[in-house]
């Protein structure tokens, strides 16, 4: 058995908190999925609306990350040009 090192208990607490967070996230997603399924049974057009909304969110996130990547590269080039002067 290895000796207890300083900070081990903190690491164990952090791992326990992470497990609790993932477990809570899993159950929230499970409840949300069940709720969406129930609503889709009651209102069949809700699934179509949800699909359109998910596509819109995907488009926005794709645009955000693509633009951010481009902007970071542009600012790095500007800094390099400014450093050369």
C-alpha atoms as a PDB file:
ATOM      1  CA  UNK A   1       0.000   0.000   0.000  1.00  0.00           C
ATOM      2  CA  UNK A   2       1.412   3.375  -0.978  1.00  0.00           C
ATOM      3  CA  UNK A   3       1.685   6.139   1.625  1.00  0.00           C
ATOM      4  CA  UNK A   4      -0.800   9.001   1.611  1.00  0.00           C
ATOM      5  CA  UNK A   5       0.671  12.062  -0.049  1.00  0.00           C
ATOM      6  CA  UNK A   6      -0.404  15.631   0.613  1.00  0.00           C
ATOM      7  CA  UNK A   7      -3.218  16.567  -1.727  1.00  0.00           C
ATOM      8  CA  UNK A   8      -4.445  12.996  -2.249  1.00  0.00           C
ATOM      9  CA  UNK A   9      -7.687  13.611  -0.380  1.00  0.00           C
ATOM     10  CA  UNK A  10      -8.320  16.732  -2.440  1.00  0.00           C
ATOM     11  CA  UNK A  11      -7.825  14.740  -5.647  1.00  0.00           C
ATOM     12  CA  UNK A  12     -10.196  12.042  -4.405  1.00  0.00           C
ATOM     13  CA  UNK A  13     -12.806  14.674  -3.523  1.00  0.00           C
ATOM     14  CA  UNK A  14     -12.451  16.224  -6.977  1.00  0.00           C
ATOM     15  CA  UNK A  15     -12.907  12.831  -8.658  1.00  0.00           C
ATOM     16  CA  UNK A  16     -15.987  12.131  -6.537  1.00  0.00           C
ATOM     17  CA  UNK A  17     -17.439  15.520  -7.508  1.00  0.00           C
ATOM     18  CA  UNK A  18     -16.749  14.805 -11.177  1.00  0.00           C
ATOM     19  CA  UNK A  19     -18.541  11.458 -10.947  1.00  0.00           C
ATOM     20  CA  UNK A  20     -21.509  13.141  -9.314  1.00  0.00           C
ATOM     21  CA  UNK A  21     -21.588  15.808 -12.010  1.00  0.00           C
ATOM     22  CA  UNK A  22     -21.550  13.258 -14.834  1.00  0.00           C
ATOM     23  CA  UNK A  23     -24.231  11.191 -13.130  1.00  0.00           C
ATOM     24  CA  UNK A  24     -26.466  14.245 -12.687  1.00  0.00           C
ATOM     25  CA  UNK A  25     -25.881  15.279 -16.303  1.00  0.00           C
ATOM     26  CA  UNK A  26     -26.797  11.783 -17.488  1.00  0.00           C
ATOM     27  CA  UNK A  27     -30.077  11.789 -15.561  1.00  0.00           C
ATOM     28  CA  UNK A  28     -30.967  15.300 -16.725  1.00  0.00           C
ATOM     29  CA  UNK A  29     -30.390  14.269 -20.345  1.00  0.00           C
ATOM     30  CA  UNK A  30     -32.431  11.113 -19.766  1.00  0.00           C
ATOM     31  CA  UNK A  31     -35.326  13.155 -18.348  1.00  0.00           C
ATOM     32  CA  UNK A  32     -35.133  15.692 -21.182  1.00  0.00           C
ATOM     33  CA  UNK A  33     -35.101  12.887 -23.765  1.00  0.00           C
ATOM     34  CA  UNK A  34     -38.123  11.271 -22.137  1.00  0.00           C
ATOM     35  CA  UNK A  35     -39.954  14.575 -22.010  1.00  0.00           C
ATOM     36  CA  UNK A  36     -39.224  15.265 -25.685  1.00  0.00           C
ATOM     37  CA  UNK A  37     -40.388  11.745 -26.559  1.00  0.00           C
ATOM     38  CA  UNK A  38     -43.610  12.237 -24.631  1.00  0.00           C
ATOM     39  CA  UNK A  39     -44.289  15.589 -26.287  1.00  0.00           C
ATOM     40  CA  UNK A  40     -43.546  14.043 -29.700  1.00  0.00           C
ATOM     41  CA  UNK A  41     -46.185  11.390 -29.054  1.00  0.00           C
ATOM     42  CA  UNK A  42     -48.753  14.019 -28.167  1.00  0.00           C
ATOM     43  CA  UNK A  43     -47.803  16.550 -30.867  1.00  0.00           C
ATOM     44  CA  UNK A  44     -46.113  14.830 -33.863  1.00  0.00           C
ATOM     45  CA  UNK A  45     -45.069  18.159 -35.402  1.00  0.00           C
ATOM     46  CA  UNK A  46     -42.884  18.841 -32.368  1.00  0.00           C
ATOM     47  CA  UNK A  47     -40.236  16.441 -33.709  1.00  0.00           C
ATOM     48  CA  UNK A  48     -40.015  18.488 -36.918  1.00  0.00           C
ATOM     49  CA  UNK A  49     -39.733  21.699 -34.941  1.00  0.00           C
ATOM     50  CA  UNK A  50     -37.027  20.182 -32.759  1.00  0.00           C
ATOM     51  CA  UNK A  51     -35.099  19.049 -35.848  1.00  0.00           C
ATOM     52  CA  UNK A  52     -35.192  22.553 -37.322  1.00  0.00           C
ATOM     53  CA  UNK A  53     -34.116  24.054 -34.001  1.00  0.00           C
ATOM     54  CA  UNK A  54     -31.223  21.574 -33.673  1.00  0.00           C
ATOM     55  CA  UNK A  55     -30.089  22.390 -37.213  1.00  0.00           C
ATOM     56  CA  UNK A  56     -30.183  26.095 -36.439  1.00  0.00           C
ATOM     57  CA  UNK A  57     -28.121  25.567 -33.267  1.00  0.00           C
ATOM     58  CA  UNK A  58     -25.614  23.456 -35.208  1.00  0.00           C
ATOM     59  CA  UNK A  59     -25.285  26.170 -37.850  1.00  0.00           C
ATOM     60  CA  UNK A  60     -24.719  28.863 -35.216  1.00  0.00           C
ATOM     61  CA  UNK A  61     -22.108  26.848 -33.340  1.00  0.00           C
ATOM     62  CA  UNK A  62     -20.321  25.900 -36.580  1.00  0.00           C
ATOM     63  CA  UNK A  63     -20.236  29.570 -37.612  1.00  0.00           C
ATOM     64  CA  UNK A  64     -19.010  30.635 -34.160  1.00  0.00           C
ATOM     65  CA  UNK A  65     -16.093  28.183 -34.093  1.00  0.00           C
ATOM     66  CA  UNK A  66     -15.125  28.749 -37.729  1.00  0.00           C
ATOM     67  CA  UNK A  67     -15.155  32.515 -37.319  1.00  0.00           C
ATOM     68  CA  UNK A  68     -13.206  32.238 -34.043  1.00  0.00           C
ATOM     69  CA  UNK A  69     -10.529  30.087 -35.688  1.00  0.00           C
ATOM     70  CA  UNK A  70     -10.222  32.566 -38.562  1.00  0.00           C
ATOM     71  CA  UNK A  71     -10.086  35.540 -36.194  1.00  0.00           C
ATOM     72  CA  UNK A  72      -7.339  34.015 -34.042  1.00  0.00           C
ATOM     73  CA  UNK A  73      -5.215  33.315 -37.132  1.00  0.00           C
ATOM     74  CA  UNK A  74      -5.785  36.873 -38.408  1.00  0.00           C
ATOM     75  CA  UNK A  75      -4.806  38.505 -35.104  1.00  0.00           C
ATOM     76  CA  UNK A  76      -1.656  36.369 -34.909  1.00  0.00           C
ATOM     77  CA  UNK A  77      -0.667  37.513 -38.421  1.00  0.00           C
ATOM     78  CA  UNK A  78      -1.333  41.133 -37.462  1.00  0.00           C
ATOM     79  CA  UNK A  79       0.825  40.772 -34.338  1.00  0.00           C
ATOM     80  CA  UNK A  80       3.623  39.196 -36.389  1.00  0.00           C
ATOM     81  CA  UNK A  81       3.465  42.006 -38.957  1.00  0.00           C
ATOM     82  CA  UNK A  82       3.487  44.596 -36.172  1.00  0.00           C
ATOM     83  CA  UNK A  83       6.487  42.932 -34.515  1.00  0.00           C
ATOM     84  CA  UNK A  84       8.434  43.052 -37.797  1.00  0.00           C
ATOM     85  CA  UNK A  85       8.029  46.835 -38.061  1.00  0.00           C
END
